[in-house]
C-alpha atoms as a PDB file:
ATOM      1  CA  MET A   1     155.052 175.480 107.591  1.00  0.00           C
ATOM      2  CA  THR A   2     152.581 177.667 105.745  1.00  0.00           C
ATOM      3  CA  ALA A   3     150.538 176.516 102.780  1.00  0.00           C
ATOM      4  CA  ARG A   4     152.663 178.674 100.475  1.00  0.00           C
ATOM      5  CA  GLU A   5     155.891 177.063 101.749  1.00  0.00           C
ATOM      6  CA  ARG A   6     154.428 173.553 101.350  1.00  0.00           C
ATOM      7  CA  LEU A   7     153.399 174.380  97.787  1.00  0.00           C
ATOM      8  CA  ALA A   8     156.861 175.771  97.006  1.00  0.00           C
ATOM      9  CA  GLN A   9     158.485 172.635  98.419  1.00  0.00           C
ATOM     10  CA  ALA A  10     156.172 170.355  96.407  1.00  0.00           C
ATOM     11  CA  GLN A  11     156.907 172.331  93.235  1.00  0.00           C
ATOM     12  CA  ALA A  12     160.663 172.109  93.819  1.00  0.00           C
ATOM     13  CA  GLU A  13     160.413 168.348  94.333  1.00  0.00           C
ATOM     14  CA  LEU A  14     158.309 168.024  91.163  1.00  0.00           C
ATOM     15  CA  VAL A  15     160.857 169.971  89.128  1.00  0.00           C
ATOM     16  CA  LYS A  16     163.629 167.684  90.409  1.00  0.00           C
ATOM     17  CA  ALA A  17     161.549 164.623  89.515  1.00  0.00           C
ATOM     18  CA  LEU A  18     160.943 165.964  86.009  1.00  0.00           C
ATOM     19  CA  GLY A  19     164.466 167.217  85.362  1.00  0.00           C
ATOM     20  CA  VAL A  20     166.871 164.735  86.949  1.00  0.00           C
ATOM     21  CA  GLY A  21     164.758 161.712  87.809  1.00  0.00           C
ATOM     22  CA  ALA A  22     164.436 162.347  91.535  1.00  0.00           C
ATOM     23  CA  PRO A  23     161.683 160.445  93.368  1.00  0.00           C
ATOM     24  CA  VAL A  24     158.166 161.591  92.552  1.00  0.00           C
ATOM     25  CA  PRO A  25     156.734 163.610  95.457  1.00  0.00           C
ATOM     26  CA  SER A  26     153.626 162.368  97.204  1.00  0.00           C
ATOM     27  CA  GLY A  27     150.360 163.657  95.847  1.00  0.00           C
ATOM     28  CA  PHE A  28     151.415 163.349  92.190  1.00  0.00           C
ATOM     29  CA  ASP A  29     150.593 160.542  89.761  1.00  0.00           C
ATOM     30  CA  THR A  30     153.878 158.629  89.425  1.00  0.00           C
ATOM     31  CA  ALA A  31     153.181 157.261  85.959  1.00  0.00           C
ATOM     32  CA  ARG A  32     152.322 160.686  84.545  1.00  0.00           C
ATOM     33  CA  VAL A  33     155.333 162.376  86.113  1.00  0.00           C
ATOM     34  CA  LEU A  34     157.653 159.668  84.749  1.00  0.00           C
ATOM     35  CA  ALA A  35     156.057 159.977  81.289  1.00  0.00           C
ATOM     36  CA  ALA A  36     156.512 163.756  81.363  1.00  0.00           C
ATOM     37  CA  SER A  37     160.118 163.315  82.495  1.00  0.00           C
ATOM     38  CA  GLU A  38     160.853 160.964  79.589  1.00  0.00           C
ATOM     39  CA  SER A  39     159.159 163.366  77.181  1.00  0.00           C
ATOM     40  CA  LEU A  40     161.333 166.265  78.401  1.00  0.00           C
ATOM     41  CA  LEU A  41     164.452 164.124  78.072  1.00  0.00           C
ATOM     42  CA  HIS A  42     163.582 163.228  74.469  1.00  0.00           C
ATOM     43  CA  LYS A  43     162.843 166.885  73.708  1.00  0.00           C
ATOM     44  CA  ARG A  44     166.287 167.879  75.021  1.00  0.00           C
ATOM     45  CA  ARG A  45     167.949 165.166  72.945  1.00  0.00           C
ATOM     46  CA  ARG A  46     166.122 166.200  69.766  1.00  0.00           C
ATOM     47  CA  GLY A  47     167.062 169.834  70.378  1.00  0.00           C
ATOM     48  CA  VAL A  48     170.755 168.971  70.688  1.00  0.00           C
ATOM     49  CA  GLU A  49     170.549 166.725  67.614  1.00  0.00           C
ATOM     50  CA  ARG A  50     169.128 169.653  65.605  1.00  0.00           C
ATOM     51  CA  ALA A  51     171.605 172.193  66.993  1.00  0.00           C
ATOM     52  CA  TRP A  52     174.648 169.898  66.600  1.00  0.00           C
ATOM     53  CA  PRO A  53     173.944 167.676  63.556  1.00  0.00           C
ATOM     54  CA  SER A  54     177.661 166.974  63.077  1.00  0.00           C
ATOM     55  CA  LEU A  55     177.931 165.647  66.646  1.00  0.00           C
ATOM     56  CA  ALA A  56     174.862 163.455  66.188  1.00  0.00           C
ATOM     57  CA  ALA A  57     176.254 162.144  62.891  1.00  0.00           C
ATOM     58  CA  ALA A  58     179.725 161.539  64.359  1.00  0.00           C
ATOM     59  CA  LEU A  59     178.318 159.517  67.252  1.00  0.00           C
ATOM     60  CA  GLY A  60     175.727 157.776  65.076  1.00  0.00           C
ATOM     61  CA  THR A  61     173.566 155.299  66.951  1.00  0.00           C
ATOM     62  CA  ASP A  62     175.578 155.888  70.148  1.00  0.00           C
ATOM     63  CA  PHE A  63     174.323 159.477  70.423  1.00  0.00           C
ATOM     64  CA  ARG A  64     171.122 158.553  72.227  1.00  0.00           C
ATOM     65  CA  ALA A  65     172.829 156.035  74.524  1.00  0.00           C
ATOM     66  CA  ARG A  66     175.451 158.598  75.553  1.00  0.00           C
ATOM     67  CA  PHE A  67     173.276 161.712  75.732  1.00  0.00           C
ATOM     68  CA  GLU A  68     170.434 160.407  77.879  1.00  0.00           C
ATOM     69  CA  PRO A  69     172.555 159.374  80.917  1.00  0.00           C
ATOM     70  CA  TRP A  70     174.470 162.656  80.629  1.00  0.00           C
ATOM     71  CA  ALA A  71     171.217 164.638  80.490  1.00  0.00           C
ATOM     72  CA  ARG A  72     169.874 162.873  83.589  1.00  0.00           C
ATOM     73  CA  ALA A  73     173.044 163.813  85.484  1.00  0.00           C
ATOM     74  CA  HIS A  74     173.021 167.435  84.220  1.00  0.00           C
ATOM     75  CA  PRO A  75     169.718 169.248  84.760  1.00  0.00           C
ATOM     76  CA  MET A  76     168.382 171.813  82.326  1.00  0.00           C
ATOM     77  CA  SER A  77     169.093 175.474  82.809  1.00  0.00           C
ATOM     78  CA  VAL A  78     166.269 177.946  83.372  1.00  0.00           C
ATOM     79  CA  GLU A  79     166.358 179.032  79.736  1.00  0.00           C
ATOM     80  CA  PRO A  80     167.163 175.872  77.751  1.00  0.00           C
ATOM     81  CA  ASP A  81     169.638 176.463  74.937  1.00  0.00           C
ATOM     82  CA  SER A  82     170.377 173.483  72.702  1.00  0.00           C
ATOM     83  CA  LEU A  83     173.625 174.978  71.394  1.00  0.00           C
ATOM     84  CA  ALA A  84     174.985 175.517  74.912  1.00  0.00           C
ATOM     85  CA  GLU A  85     173.748 172.132  76.075  1.00  0.00           C
ATOM     86  CA  GLY A  86     175.342 170.415  73.084  1.00  0.00           C
ATOM     87  CA  ARG A  87     178.649 172.151  73.817  1.00  0.00           C
ATOM     88  CA  ARG A  88     178.550 171.033  77.457  1.00  0.00           C
ATOM     89  CA  PHE A  89     177.757 167.476  76.310  1.00  0.00           C
ATOM     90  CA  ALA A  90     180.663 167.561  73.837  1.00  0.00           C
ATOM     91  CA  ALA A  91     182.966 168.827  76.615  1.00  0.00           C
ATOM     92  CA  SER A  92     182.001 165.874  78.804  1.00  0.00           C
ATOM     93  CA  LEU A  93     182.710 163.481  75.927  1.00  0.00           C
ATOM     94  CA  GLN A  94     186.058 165.197  75.401  1.00  0.00           C
ATOM     95  CA  GLU A  95     186.968 164.791  79.082  1.00  0.00           C
ATOM     96  CA  GLU A  96     186.166 161.077  78.844  1.00  0.00           C
ATOM     97  CA  GLY A  97     188.193 160.745  75.633  1.00  0.00           C
ATOM     98  CA  ARG A  98     185.110 159.670  73.653  1.00  0.00           C
ATOM     99  CA  LEU A  99     184.702 162.700  71.400  1.00  0.00           C
ATOM    100  CA  PRO A 100     185.179 161.784  67.722  1.00  0.00           C
ATOM    101  CA  PRO A 101     188.253 163.537  66.232  1.00  0.00           C
ATOM    102  CA  SER A 102     186.109 164.986  63.439  1.00  0.00           C
ATOM    103  CA  MET A 103     184.440 167.281  65.994  1.00  0.00           C
ATOM    104  CA  SER A 104     187.547 169.266  66.952  1.00  0.00           C
ATOM    105  CA  GLY A 105     187.102 171.853  64.183  1.00  0.00           C
ATOM    106  CA  VAL A 106     183.400 172.288  64.929  1.00  0.00           C
ATOM    107  CA  LEU A 107     184.118 172.866  68.616  1.00  0.00           C
ATOM    108  CA  MET A 108     186.858 175.349  67.782  1.00  0.00           C
ATOM    109  CA  ASP A 109     184.443 177.321  65.611  1.00  0.00           C
ATOM    110  CA  PHE A 110     181.867 177.335  68.412  1.00  0.00           C
ATOM    111  CA  ASP A 111     184.444 178.418  71.002  1.00  0.00           C
ATOM    112  CA  ALA A 112     185.679 181.201  68.715  1.00  0.00           C
ATOM    113  CA  ARG A 113     182.139 182.582  68.343  1.00  0.00           C
ATOM    114  CA  TRP A 114     180.623 181.897  71.760  1.00  0.00           C
ATOM    115  CA  ARG A 115     181.509 181.491  75.404  1.00  0.00           C
ATOM    116  CA  LEU A 116     179.552 179.683  78.085  1.00  0.00           C
ATOM    117  CA  THR A 117     178.972 181.425  81.403  1.00  0.00           C
ATOM    118  CA  SER A 118     179.139 179.616  84.723  1.00  0.00           C
ATOM    119  CA  ALA A 119     175.324 179.503  84.653  1.00  0.00           C
ATOM    120  CA  GLY A 120     175.455 177.680  81.297  1.00  0.00           C
ATOM    121  CA  GLU A 121     174.294 180.599  79.164  1.00  0.00           C
ATOM    122  CA  ARG A 122     175.712 181.197  75.700  1.00  0.00           C
ATOM    123  CA  VAL A 123     177.179 184.667  75.110  1.00  0.00           C
ATOM    124  CA  ARG A 124     178.480 185.969  71.761  1.00  0.00           C
ATOM    125  CA  ARG A 125     182.147 186.925  71.684  1.00  0.00           C
ATOM    126  CA  ARG A 126     183.068 190.343  70.307  1.00  0.00           C
ATOM    127  CA  GLY A 127     186.101 191.561  68.426  1.00  0.00           C
ATOM    128  CA  PHE A 128     189.051 189.305  67.713  1.00  0.00           C
ATOM    129  CA  TRP A 129     189.264 185.950  69.466  1.00  0.00           C
ATOM    130  CA  LEU A 130     191.917 183.271  69.122  1.00  0.00           C
ATOM    131  CA  VAL A 131     191.453 179.582  69.959  1.00  0.00           C
ATOM    132  CA  VAL A 132     194.507 177.316  70.012  1.00  0.00           C
ATOM    133  CA  ARG A 133     194.245 173.568  70.600  1.00  0.00           C
ATOM    134  CA  ARG A 134     196.678 170.708  70.362  1.00  0.00           C
ATOM    135  CA  GLY A 135     195.475 167.541  68.666  1.00  0.00           C
ATOM    136  CA  VAL A 136     195.394 164.421  70.811  1.00  0.00           C
ATOM    137  CA  THR A 137     196.582 162.005  68.144  1.00  0.00           C
ATOM    138  CA  THR A 138     198.544 164.271  65.777  1.00  0.00           C
ATOM    139  CA  ARG A 139     200.052 166.518  68.481  1.00  0.00           C
ATOM    140  CA  ARG A 140     199.804 169.396  65.994  1.00  0.00           C
ATOM    141  CA  PHE A 141     198.440 172.764  66.963  1.00  0.00           C
ATOM    142  CA  ARG A 142     195.185 173.943  65.429  1.00  0.00           C
ATOM    143  CA  VAL A 143     194.229 177.607  65.426  1.00  0.00           C
ATOM    144  CA  ALA A 144     190.888 179.347  64.903  1.00  0.00           C
ATOM    145  CA  LEU A 145     190.650 183.125  64.668  1.00  0.00           C
ATOM    146  CA  ARG A 146     187.347 184.932  65.024  1.00  0.00           C
ATOM    147  CA  LEU A 147     187.259 188.208  63.160  1.00  0.00           C
ATOM    148  CA  PRO A 148     184.944 191.128  63.943  1.00  0.00           C
ATOM    149  CA  GLY A 149     181.630 190.381  62.299  1.00  0.00           C
ATOM    150  CA  GLY A 150     181.681 186.704  63.239  1.00  0.00           C
ATOM    151  CA  ARG A 151     183.797 185.141  60.502  1.00  0.00           C
ATOM    152  CA  VAL A 152     186.116 182.344  61.725  1.00  0.00           C
ATOM    153  CA  LEU A 153     189.346 181.375  59.998  1.00  0.00           C
ATOM    154  CA  ARG A 154     191.044 178.045  60.733  1.00  0.00           C
END
């Protein structure tokens, strides 16, 4: 293995240690890598709290306890986007049945304006877009229509 390949491998292991809590590779100060990892995790959480204040308010004190394990299991994308990350976090809460009902309208507005690619990037929708969802508790249909220009009617 060449020196360049060893360096690339060490960098990949360091990124995994920082992003998802993988073991710290040899040759790096464990305490500093763990501190940097925690700092990045808190930065991600604060970014999602700022981008999705209604989600943070709806979850209250549980936001931190729910977001941090989710963030450890879901590594950051190359270009971090707090709006996209918050939407993916809300989707995981929805799958578990732990999403507060007050968030359904906010998620519909987001889905009418944006779409997430398979890589996790946020892309603006164009033209007309219709989102239809059925409420879990009320069983009533909710509709959001995105008009050209970005306005959303519910």
